[in-house]
Amino acid sequence: MNYQLVVTRVAQVDAIDICYWLSDTTSVESGLRWYAEYEAAVDSLQTLPLRCPLARDVQGERRAVRQLLFGQYRLLFAVEGNVVTVLNVMHQKQQPRS
């Protein structure tokens, strides 16, 4: 079963900010390579998103939030029916927003 993907505005801004930060602090190539990895991680959620564990450190959400780790980063997302909603993108050491 393929799931429909929805990426929130917050997650889009998170990803762009990380890409720019990596480009500024390392190299443009590094930022672009990270963004390609991010897109591949998001796309992978179209199939079997429930393979990913619950993000137990997320507070205040009315729905179950799951996480997908890729490199040193993680995607936080929710699955409702056949829709996967990407909520945030962050470094694994960052705490989720409340």
PDB file of N, CA and C in Angstrom:
ATOM      1  N   MET A   1       0.842  -1.185   0.000  1.00  0.00           N
ATOM      2  CA  MET A   1       0.000   0.000   0.000  1.00  0.00           C
ATOM      3  C   MET A   1       0.882   1.242   0.000  1.00  0.00           C
ATOM      4  N   ASN A   2       0.613   2.155  -0.909  1.00  0.00           N
ATOM      5  CA  ASN A   2       1.327   3.424  -0.930  1.00  0.00           C
ATOM      6  C   ASN A   2       0.561   4.454  -0.119  1.00  0.00           C
ATOM      7  N   TYR A   3       1.297   5.216   0.665  1.00  0.00           N
ATOM      8  CA  TYR A   3       0.726   6.268   1.490  1.00  0.00           C
ATOM      9  C   TYR A   3       0.906   7.607   0.788  1.00  0.00           C
ATOM     10  N   GLN A   4      -0.037   8.496   1.024  1.00  0.00           N
ATOM     11  CA  GLN A   4       0.064   9.864   0.511  1.00  0.00           C
ATOM     12  C   GLN A   4       0.964  10.650   1.463  1.00  0.00           C
ATOM     13  N   LEU A   5       1.863  11.445   0.917  1.00  0.00           N
ATOM     14  CA  LEU A   5       2.779  12.248   1.728  1.00  0.00           C
ATOM     15  C   LEU A   5       2.322  13.697   1.793  1.00  0.00           C
ATOM     16  N   VAL A   6       2.354  14.251   3.010  1.00  0.00           N
ATOM     17  CA  VAL A   6       2.105  15.670   3.221  1.00  0.00           C
ATOM     18  C   VAL A   6       3.277  16.181   4.055  1.00  0.00           C
ATOM     19  N   VAL A   7       3.973  17.186   3.566  1.00  0.00           N
ATOM     20  CA  VAL A   7       5.082  17.785   4.307  1.00  0.00           C
ATOM     21  C   VAL A   7       4.610  19.155   4.776  1.00  0.00           C
ATOM     22  N   THR A   8       4.580  19.351   6.096  1.00  0.00           N
ATOM     23  CA  THR A   8       4.102  20.619   6.643  1.00  0.00           C
ATOM     24  C   THR A   8       5.062  21.752   6.299  1.00  0.00           C
ATOM     25  N   ARG A   9       4.551  22.949   6.381  1.00  0.00           N
ATOM     26  CA  ARG A   9       5.379  24.141   6.133  1.00  0.00           C
ATOM     27  C   ARG A   9       6.551  24.178   7.112  1.00  0.00           C
ATOM     28  N   VAL A  10       6.289  23.820   8.364  1.00  0.00           N
ATOM     29  CA  VAL A  10       7.350  23.807   9.378  1.00  0.00           C
ATOM     30  C   VAL A  10       8.467  22.856   8.965  1.00  0.00           C
ATOM     31  N   ALA A  11       8.113  21.663   8.513  1.00  0.00           N
ATOM     32  CA  ALA A  11       9.122  20.688   8.089  1.00  0.00           C
ATOM     33  C   ALA A  11       9.883  21.183   6.860  1.00  0.00           C
ATOM     34  N   GLN A  12       9.184  21.835   5.940  1.00  0.00           N
ATOM     35  CA  GLN A  12       9.852  22.390   4.757  1.00  0.00           C
ATOM     36  C   GLN A  12      10.888  23.431   5.166  1.00  0.00           C
ATOM     37  N   VAL A  13      10.509  24.316   6.091  1.00  0.00           N
ATOM     38  CA  VAL A  13      11.433  25.356   6.564  1.00  0.00           C
ATOM     39  C   VAL A  13      12.603  24.718   7.314  1.00  0.00           C
ATOM     40  N   ASP A  14      12.313  23.713   8.153  1.00  0.00           N
ATOM     41  CA  ASP A  14      13.393  22.998   8.855  1.00  0.00           C
ATOM     42  C   ASP A  14      14.424  22.475   7.861  1.00  0.00           C
ATOM     43  N   ALA A  15      13.963  21.796   6.819  1.00  0.00           N
ATOM     44  CA  ALA A  15      14.864  21.180   5.838  1.00  0.00           C
ATOM     45  C   ALA A  15      15.681  22.232   5.096  1.00  0.00           C
ATOM     46  N   ILE A  16      15.049  23.306   4.696  1.00  0.00           N
ATOM     47  CA  ILE A  16      15.768  24.371   3.984  1.00  0.00           C
ATOM     48  C   ILE A  16      16.799  25.017   4.898  1.00  0.00           C
ATOM     49  N   ASP A  17      16.428  25.258   6.165  1.00  0.00           N
ATOM     50  CA  ASP A  17      17.373  25.839   7.127  1.00  0.00           C
ATOM     51  C   ASP A  17      18.594  24.938   7.319  1.00  0.00           C
ATOM     52  N   ILE A  18      18.366  23.637   7.456  1.00  0.00           N
ATOM     53  CA  ILE A  18      19.484  22.700   7.631  1.00  0.00           C
ATOM     54  C   ILE A  18      20.370  22.697   6.386  1.00  0.00           C
ATOM     55  N   CYS A  19      19.761  22.681   5.223  1.00  0.00           N
ATOM     56  CA  CYS A  19      20.513  22.692   3.965  1.00  0.00           C
ATOM     57  C   CYS A  19      21.391  23.945   3.871  1.00  0.00           C
ATOM     58  N   TYR A  20      20.813  25.110   4.179  1.00  0.00           N
ATOM     59  CA  TYR A  20      21.589  26.354   4.137  1.00  0.00           C
ATOM     60  C   TYR A  20      22.695  26.350   5.185  1.00  0.00           C
ATOM     61  N   TRP A  21      22.394  25.861   6.382  1.00  0.00           N
ATOM     62  CA  TRP A  21      23.390  25.841   7.443  1.00  0.00           C
ATOM     63  C   TRP A  21      24.575  24.962   7.037  1.00  0.00           C
ATOM     64  N   LEU A  22      24.287  23.781   6.514  1.00  0.00           N
ATOM     65  CA  LEU A  22      25.371  22.898   6.061  1.00  0.00           C
ATOM     66  C   LEU A  22      26.161  23.526   4.920  1.00  0.00           C
ATOM     67  N   SER A  23      25.469  24.194   4.014  1.00  0.00           N
ATOM     68  CA  SER A  23      26.150  24.859   2.893  1.00  0.00           C
ATOM     69  C   SER A  23      27.071  25.959   3.393  1.00  0.00           C
ATOM     70  N   ASP A  24      26.618  26.711   4.409  1.00  0.00           N
ATOM     71  CA  ASP A  24      27.416  27.811   4.952  1.00  0.00           C
ATOM     72  C   ASP A  24      28.586  27.336   5.800  1.00  0.00           C
ATOM     73  N   THR A  25      28.384  26.264   6.566  1.00  0.00           N
ATOM     74  CA  THR A  25      29.417  25.833   7.513  1.00  0.00           C
ATOM     75  C   THR A  25      30.366  24.781   6.957  1.00  0.00           C
ATOM     76  N   THR A  26      29.958  24.086   5.904  1.00  0.00           N
ATOM     77  CA  THR A  26      30.844  23.076   5.309  1.00  0.00           C
ATOM     78  C   THR A  26      31.067  23.398   3.838  1.00  0.00           C
ATOM     79  N   SER A  27      30.136  22.981   2.996  1.00  0.00           N
ATOM     80  CA  SER A  27      30.230  23.294   1.567  1.00  0.00           C
ATOM     81  C   SER A  27      28.840  23.213   0.950  1.00  0.00           C
ATOM     82  N   VAL A  28      28.697  23.866  -0.182  1.00  0.00           N
ATOM     83  CA  VAL A  28      27.421  23.815  -0.903  1.00  0.00           C
ATOM     84  C   VAL A  28      27.102  22.374  -1.272  1.00  0.00           C
ATOM     85  N   GLU A  29      28.117  21.628  -1.691  1.00  0.00           N
ATOM     86  CA  GLU A  29      27.908  20.228  -2.063  1.00  0.00           C
ATOM     87  C   GLU A  29      27.369  19.418  -0.892  1.00  0.00           C
ATOM     88  N   SER A  30      27.892  19.691   0.299  1.00  0.00           N
ATOM     89  CA  SER A  30      27.435  18.983   1.495  1.00  0.00           C
ATOM     90  C   SER A  30      25.967  19.289   1.779  1.00  0.00           C
ATOM     91  N   GLY A  31      25.587  20.547   1.648  1.00  0.00           N
ATOM     92  CA  GLY A  31      24.191  20.933   1.846  1.00  0.00           C
ATOM     93  C   GLY A  31      23.270  20.272   0.840  1.00  0.00           C
ATOM     94  N   LEU A  32      23.693  20.252  -0.416  1.00  0.00           N
ATOM     95  CA  LEU A  32      22.870  19.628  -1.461  1.00  0.00           C
ATOM     96  C   LEU A  32      22.792  18.114  -1.293  1.00  0.00           C
ATOM     97  N   ARG A  33      23.890  17.506  -0.870  1.00  0.00           N
ATOM     98  CA  ARG A  33      23.900  16.059  -0.629  1.00  0.00           C
ATOM     99  C   ARG A  33      22.943  15.718   0.521  1.00  0.00           C
ATOM    100  N   TRP A  34      22.971  16.544   1.599  1.00  0.00           N
ATOM    101  CA  TRP A  34      22.055  16.316   2.716  1.00  0.00           C
ATOM    102  C   TRP A  34      20.608  16.441   2.240  1.00  0.00           C
ATOM    103  N   TYR A  35      20.320  17.446   1.421  1.00  0.00           N
ATOM    104  CA  TYR A  35      18.942  17.647   0.967  1.00  0.00           C
ATOM    105  C   TYR A  35      18.458  16.456   0.138  1.00  0.00           C
ATOM    106  N   ALA A  36      19.330  15.882  -0.667  1.00  0.00           N
ATOM    107  CA  ALA A  36      18.962  14.687  -1.445  1.00  0.00           C
ATOM    108  C   ALA A  36      18.669  13.515  -0.506  1.00  0.00           C
ATOM    109  N   GLU A  37      19.460  13.376   0.569  1.00  0.00           N
ATOM    110  CA  GLU A  37      19.208  12.322   1.558  1.00  0.00           C
ATOM    111  C   GLU A  37      17.877  12.558   2.269  1.00  0.00           C
ATOM    112  N   TYR A  38      17.586  13.811   2.580  1.00  0.00           N
ATOM    113  CA  TYR A  38      16.309  14.172   3.211  1.00  0.00           C
ATOM    114  C   TYR A  38      15.143  13.787   2.300  1.00  0.00           C
ATOM    115  N   GLU A  39      15.229  14.150   1.025  1.00  0.00           N
ATOM    116  CA  GLU A  39      14.147  13.819   0.089  1.00  0.00           C
ATOM    117  C   GLU A  39      13.963  12.308  -0.039  1.00  0.00           C
ATOM    118  N   ALA A  40      15.053  11.563  -0.055  1.00  0.00           N
ATOM    119  CA  ALA A  40      14.958  10.100  -0.132  1.00  0.00           C
ATOM    120  C   ALA A  40      14.297   9.537   1.128  1.00  0.00           C
ATOM    121  N   ALA A  41      14.629  10.107   2.290  1.00  0.00           N
ATOM    122  CA  ALA A  41      14.018   9.656   3.547  1.00  0.00           C
ATOM    123  C   ALA A  41      12.515   9.918   3.531  1.00  0.00           C
ATOM    124  N   VAL A  42      12.121  11.117   3.100  1.00  0.00           N
ATOM    125  CA  VAL A  42      10.693  11.447   3.015  1.00  0.00           C
ATOM    126  C   VAL A  42      10.000  10.502   2.045  1.00  0.00           C
ATOM    127  N   ASP A  43      10.573  10.314   0.874  1.00  0.00           N
ATOM    128  CA  ASP A  43       9.961   9.433  -0.132  1.00  0.00           C
ATOM    129  C   ASP A  43       9.803   8.003   0.378  1.00  0.00           C
ATOM    130  N   SER A  44      10.736   7.559   1.226  1.00  0.00           N
ATOM    131  CA  SER A  44      10.662   6.186   1.738  1.00  0.00           C
ATOM    132  C   SER A  44       9.438   5.967   2.621  1.00  0.00           C
ATOM    133  N   LEU A  45       8.851   7.049   3.113  1.00  0.00           N
ATOM    134  CA  LEU A  45       7.671   6.925   3.973  1.00  0.00           C
ATOM    135  C   LEU A  45       6.414   6.564   3.191  1.00  0.00           C
ATOM    136  N   GLN A  46       6.492   6.589   1.867  1.00  0.00           N
ATOM    137  CA  GLN A  46       5.336   6.197   1.058  1.00  0.00           C
ATOM    138  C   GLN A  46       5.020   4.716   1.216  1.00  0.00           C
ATOM    139  N   THR A  47       6.015   3.938   1.582  1.00  0.00           N
ATOM    140  CA  THR A  47       5.793   2.504   1.798  1.00  0.00           C
ATOM    141  C   THR A  47       6.255   2.143   3.204  1.00  0.00           C
ATOM    142  N   LEU A  48       5.445   1.455   3.915  1.00  0.00           N
ATOM    143  CA  LEU A  48       5.737   0.940   5.253  1.00  0.00           C
ATOM    144  C   LEU A  48       6.179   1.997   6.278  1.00  0.00           C
ATOM    145  N   PRO A  49       5.462   3.100   6.435  1.00  0.00           N
ATOM    146  CA  PRO A  49       5.860   4.089   7.432  1.00  0.00           C
ATOM    147  C   PRO A  49       5.745   3.563   8.864  1.00  0.00           C
ATOM    148  N   LEU A  50       4.917   2.548   9.070  1.00  0.00           N
ATOM    149  CA  LEU A  50       4.737   2.007  10.417  1.00  0.00           C
ATOM    150  C   LEU A  50       5.930   1.170  10.871  1.00  0.00           C
ATOM    151  N   ARG A  51       6.931   1.000   9.994  1.00  0.00           N
ATOM    152  CA  ARG A  51       8.164   0.309  10.377  1.00  0.00           C
ATOM    153  C   ARG A  51       8.973   1.159  11.351  1.00  0.00           C
ATOM    154  N   CYS A  52       8.710   2.455  11.356  1.00  0.00           N
ATOM    155  CA  CYS A  52       9.475   3.398  12.171  1.00  0.00           C
ATOM    156  C   CYS A  52       8.913   3.436  13.595  1.00  0.00           C
ATOM    157  N   PRO A  53       9.798   3.552  14.592  1.00  0.00           N
ATOM    158  CA  PRO A  53       9.338   3.543  15.983  1.00  0.00           C
ATOM    159  C   PRO A  53       8.653   4.853  16.374  1.00  0.00           C
ATOM    160  N   LEU A  54       7.894   4.766  17.459  1.00  0.00           N
ATOM    161  CA  LEU A  54       7.286   5.967  18.026  1.00  0.00           C
ATOM    162  C   LEU A  54       8.382   6.859  18.588  1.00  0.00           C
ATOM    163  N   ALA A  55       8.180   8.164  18.481  1.00  0.00           N
ATOM    164  CA  ALA A  55       9.098   9.150  19.063  1.00  0.00           C
ATOM    165  C   ALA A  55       8.577   9.449  20.461  1.00  0.00           C
ATOM    166  N   ARG A  56       9.116   8.773  21.429  1.00  0.00           N
ATOM    167  CA  ARG A  56       8.580   8.849  22.791  1.00  0.00           C
ATOM    168  C   ARG A  56       8.851  10.180  23.482  1.00  0.00           C
ATOM    169  N   ASP A  57       9.763  10.975  22.945  1.00  0.00           N
ATOM    170  CA  ASP A  57      10.091  12.255  23.571  1.00  0.00           C
ATOM    171  C   ASP A  57       9.213  13.400  23.075  1.00  0.00           C
ATOM    172  N   VAL A  58       8.255  13.127  22.221  1.00  0.00           N
ATOM    173  CA  VAL A  58       7.371  14.171  21.693  1.00  0.00           C
ATOM    174  C   VAL A  58       6.193  14.336  22.643  1.00  0.00           C
ATOM    175  N   GLN A  59       5.970  15.571  23.074  1.00  0.00           N
ATOM    176  CA  GLN A  59       4.897  15.891  24.013  1.00  0.00           C
ATOM    177  C   GLN A  59       3.840  16.745  23.334  1.00  0.00           C
ATOM    178  N   GLY A  60       2.621  16.654  23.794  1.00  0.00           N
ATOM    179  CA  GLY A  60       1.578  17.581  23.379  1.00  0.00           C
ATOM    180  C   GLY A  60       0.879  17.277  22.073  1.00  0.00           C
ATOM    181  N   GLU A  61       1.222  16.212  21.405  1.00  0.00           N
ATOM    182  CA  GLU A  61       0.534  15.839  20.162  1.00  0.00           C
ATOM    183  C   GLU A  61      -0.628  14.923  20.496  1.00  0.00           C
ATOM    184  N   ARG A  62      -1.747  15.113  19.828  1.00  0.00           N
ATOM    185  CA  ARG A  62      -2.912  14.252  20.038  1.00  0.00           C
ATOM    186  C   ARG A  62      -2.810  12.954  19.250  1.00  0.00           C
ATOM    187  N   ARG A  63      -1.849  12.874  18.386  1.00  0.00           N
ATOM    188  CA  ARG A  63      -1.682  11.675  17.562  1.00  0.00           C
ATOM    189  C   ARG A  63      -0.310  11.072  17.827  1.00  0.00           C
ATOM    190  N   ALA A  64      -0.172   9.812  17.478  1.00  0.00           N
ATOM    191  CA  ALA A  64       1.111   9.131  17.658  1.00  0.00           C
ATOM    192  C   ALA A  64       2.121   9.705  16.670  1.00  0.00           C
ATOM    193  N   VAL A  65       3.264  10.106  17.181  1.00  0.00           N
ATOM    194  CA  VAL A  65       4.328  10.657  16.339  1.00  0.00           C
ATOM    195  C   VAL A  65       5.440   9.623  16.246  1.00  0.00           C
ATOM    196  N   ARG A  66       5.857   9.355  15.030  1.00  0.00           N
ATOM    197  CA  ARG A  66       6.921   8.392  14.760  1.00  0.00           C
ATOM    198  C   ARG A  66       8.164   9.132  14.286  1.00  0.00           C
ATOM    199  N   GLN A  67       9.288   8.419  14.265  1.00  0.00           N
ATOM    200  CA  GLN A  67      10.529   9.032  13.798  1.00  0.00           C
ATOM    201  C   GLN A  67      11.246   8.119  12.822  1.00  0.00           C
ATOM    202  N   LEU A  68      11.881   8.759  11.853  1.00  0.00           N
ATOM    203  CA  LEU A  68      12.740   8.064  10.897  1.00  0.00           C
ATOM    204  C   LEU A  68      14.112   8.714  10.989  1.00  0.00           C
ATOM    205  N   LEU A  69      15.114   7.933  11.356  1.00  0.00           N
ATOM    206  CA  LEU A  69      16.477   8.445  11.460  1.00  0.00           C
ATOM    207  C   LEU A  69      17.177   8.294  10.121  1.00  0.00           C
ATOM    208  N   PHE A  70      17.891   9.346   9.731  1.00  0.00           N
ATOM    209  CA  PHE A  70      18.731   9.278   8.527  1.00  0.00           C
ATOM    210  C   PHE A  70      19.959  10.131   8.798  1.00  0.00           C
ATOM    211  N   GLY A  71      21.123   9.495   8.719  1.00  0.00           N
ATOM    212  CA  GLY A  71      22.354  10.192   9.083  1.00  0.00           C
ATOM    213  C   GLY A  71      22.261  10.648  10.533  1.00  0.00           C
ATOM    214  N   GLN A  72      22.589  11.914  10.778  1.00  0.00           N
ATOM    215  CA  GLN A  72      22.508  12.481  12.123  1.00  0.00           C
ATOM    216  C   GLN A  72      21.188  13.215  12.351  1.00  0.00           C
ATOM    217  N   TYR A  73      20.249  13.023  11.466  1.00  0.00           N
ATOM    218  CA  TYR A  73      18.983  13.764  11.519  1.00  0.00           C
ATOM    219  C   TYR A  73      17.806  12.823  11.674  1.00  0.00           C
ATOM    220  N   ARG A  74      16.659  13.405  11.997  1.00  0.00           N
ATOM    221  CA  ARG A  74      15.449  12.602  12.100  1.00  0.00           C
ATOM    222  C   ARG A  74      14.245  13.368  11.595  1.00  0.00           C
ATOM    223  N   LEU A  75      13.336  12.612  11.026  1.00  0.00           N
ATOM    224  CA  LEU A  75      12.041  13.136  10.595  1.00  0.00           C
ATOM    225  C   LEU A  75      11.026  12.733  11.648  1.00  0.00           C
ATOM    226  N   LEU A  76      10.195  13.666  12.062  1.00  0.00           N
ATOM    227  CA  LEU A  76       9.062  13.342  12.920  1.00  0.00           C
ATOM    228  C   LEU A  76       7.823  13.392  12.049  1.00  0.00           C
ATOM    229  N   PHE A  77       6.992  12.368  12.154  1.00  0.00           N
ATOM    230  CA  PHE A  77       5.823  12.291  11.287  1.00  0.00           C
ATOM    231  C   PHE A  77       4.693  11.542  11.978  1.00  0.00           C
ATOM    232  N   ALA A  78       3.498  11.717  11.454  1.00  0.00           N
ATOM    233  CA  ALA A  78       2.316  11.020  11.953  1.00  0.00           C
ATOM    234  C   ALA A  78       1.657  10.287  10.797  1.00  0.00           C
ATOM    235  N   VAL A  79       1.027   9.174  11.116  1.00  0.00           N
ATOM    236  CA  VAL A  79       0.299   8.386  10.119  1.00  0.00           C
ATOM    237  C   VAL A  79      -1.166   8.359  10.540  1.00  0.00           C
ATOM    238  N   GLU A  80      -2.020   8.821   9.642  1.00  0.00           N
ATOM    239  CA  GLU A  80      -3.460   8.783   9.879  1.00  0.00           C
ATOM    240  C   GLU A  80      -4.115   8.225   8.624  1.00  0.00           C
ATOM    241  N   GLY A  81      -4.672   7.021   8.755  1.00  0.00           N
ATOM    242  CA  GLY A  81      -5.242   6.370   7.577  1.00  0.00           C
ATOM    243  C   GLY A  81      -4.142   6.074   6.578  1.00  0.00           C
ATOM    244  N   ASN A  82      -4.317   6.570   5.342  1.00  0.00           N
ATOM    245  CA  ASN A  82      -3.283   6.352   4.322  1.00  0.00           C
ATOM    246  C   ASN A  82      -2.469   7.620   4.053  1.00  0.00           C
ATOM    247  N   VAL A  83      -2.467   8.548   5.028  1.00  0.00           N
ATOM    248  CA  VAL A  83      -1.737   9.811   4.885  1.00  0.00           C
ATOM    249  C   VAL A  83      -0.601   9.869   5.907  1.00  0.00           C
ATOM    250  N   VAL A  84       0.605  10.161   5.420  1.00  0.00           N
ATOM    251  CA  VAL A  84       1.771  10.391   6.269  1.00  0.00           C
ATOM    252  C   VAL A  84       2.049  11.889   6.249  1.00  0.00           C
ATOM    253  N   THR A  85       2.054  12.504   7.436  1.00  0.00           N
ATOM    254  CA  THR A  85       2.323  13.933   7.549  1.00  0.00           C
ATOM    255  C   THR A  85       3.669  14.140   8.223  1.00  0.00           C
ATOM    256  N   VAL A  86       4.620  14.731   7.494  1.00  0.00           N
ATOM    257  CA  VAL A  86       5.936  15.039   8.050  1.00  0.00           C
ATOM    258  C   VAL A  86       5.796  16.339   8.838  1.00  0.00           C
ATOM    259  N   LEU A  87       6.129  16.276  10.131  1.00  0.00           N
ATOM    260  CA  LEU A  87       5.914  17.400  11.038  1.00  0.00           C
ATOM    261  C   LEU A  87       7.153  18.259  11.230  1.00  0.00           C
ATOM    262  N   ASN A  88       8.304  17.619  11.431  1.00  0.00           N
ATOM    263  CA  ASN A  88       9.550  18.334  11.701  1.00  0.00           C
ATOM    264  C   ASN A  88      10.736  17.560  11.149  1.00  0.00           C
ATOM    265  N   VAL A  89      11.829  18.275  10.955  1.00  0.00           N
ATOM    266  CA  VAL A  89      13.122  17.688  10.610  1.00  0.00           C
ATOM    267  C   VAL A  89      14.120  18.333  11.548  1.00  0.00           C
ATOM    268  N   MET A  90      14.974  17.524  12.174  1.00  0.00           N
ATOM    269  CA  MET A  90      15.928  18.094  13.129  1.00  0.00           C
ATOM    270  C   MET A  90      17.120  17.172  13.319  1.00  0.00           C
ATOM    271  N   HIS A  91      18.171  17.743  13.912  1.00  0.00           N
ATOM    272  CA  HIS A  91      19.323  16.940  14.304  1.00  0.00           C
ATOM    273  C   HIS A  91      18.872  16.014  15.424  1.00  0.00           C
ATOM    274  N   GLN A  92      19.456  14.823  15.486  1.00  0.00           N
ATOM    275  CA  GLN A  92      19.036  13.850  16.498  1.00  0.00           C
ATOM    276  C   GLN A  92      19.234  14.341  17.926  1.00  0.00           C
ATOM    277  N   LYS A  93      20.163  15.269  18.142  1.00  0.00           N
ATOM    278  CA  LYS A  93      20.411  15.764  19.497  1.00  0.00           C
ATOM    279  C   LYS A  93      19.470  16.898  19.895  1.00  0.00           C
ATOM    280  N   GLN A  94      18.723  17.429  18.949  1.00  0.00           N
ATOM    281  CA  GLN A  94      17.761  18.486  19.262  1.00  0.00           C
ATOM    282  C   GLN A  94      16.528  17.896  19.914  1.00  0.00           C
ATOM    283  N   GLN A  95      15.933  18.677  20.802  1.00  0.00           N
ATOM    284  CA  GLN A  95      14.668  18.286  21.412  1.00  0.00           C
ATOM    285  C   GLN A  95      13.527  18.746  20.516  1.00  0.00           C
ATOM    286  N   PRO A  96      12.489  17.929  20.383  1.00  0.00           N
ATOM    287  CA  PRO A  96      11.328  18.345  19.578  1.00  0.00           C
ATOM    288  C   PRO A  96      10.664  19.574  20.180  1.00  0.00           C
ATOM    289  N   ARG A  97      10.076  20.377  19.317  1.00  0.00           N
ATOM    290  CA  ARG A  97       9.320  21.534  19.790  1.00  0.00           C
ATOM    291  C   ARG A  97       8.058  21.046  20.472  1.00  0.00           C
ATOM    292  N   SER A  98       7.636  21.777  21.490  1.00  0.00           N
ATOM    293  CA  SER A  98       6.389  21.403  22.181  1.00  0.00           C
ATOM    294  C   SER A  98       5.198  21.896  21.423  1.00  0.00           C
TER     295      SER A  98
END
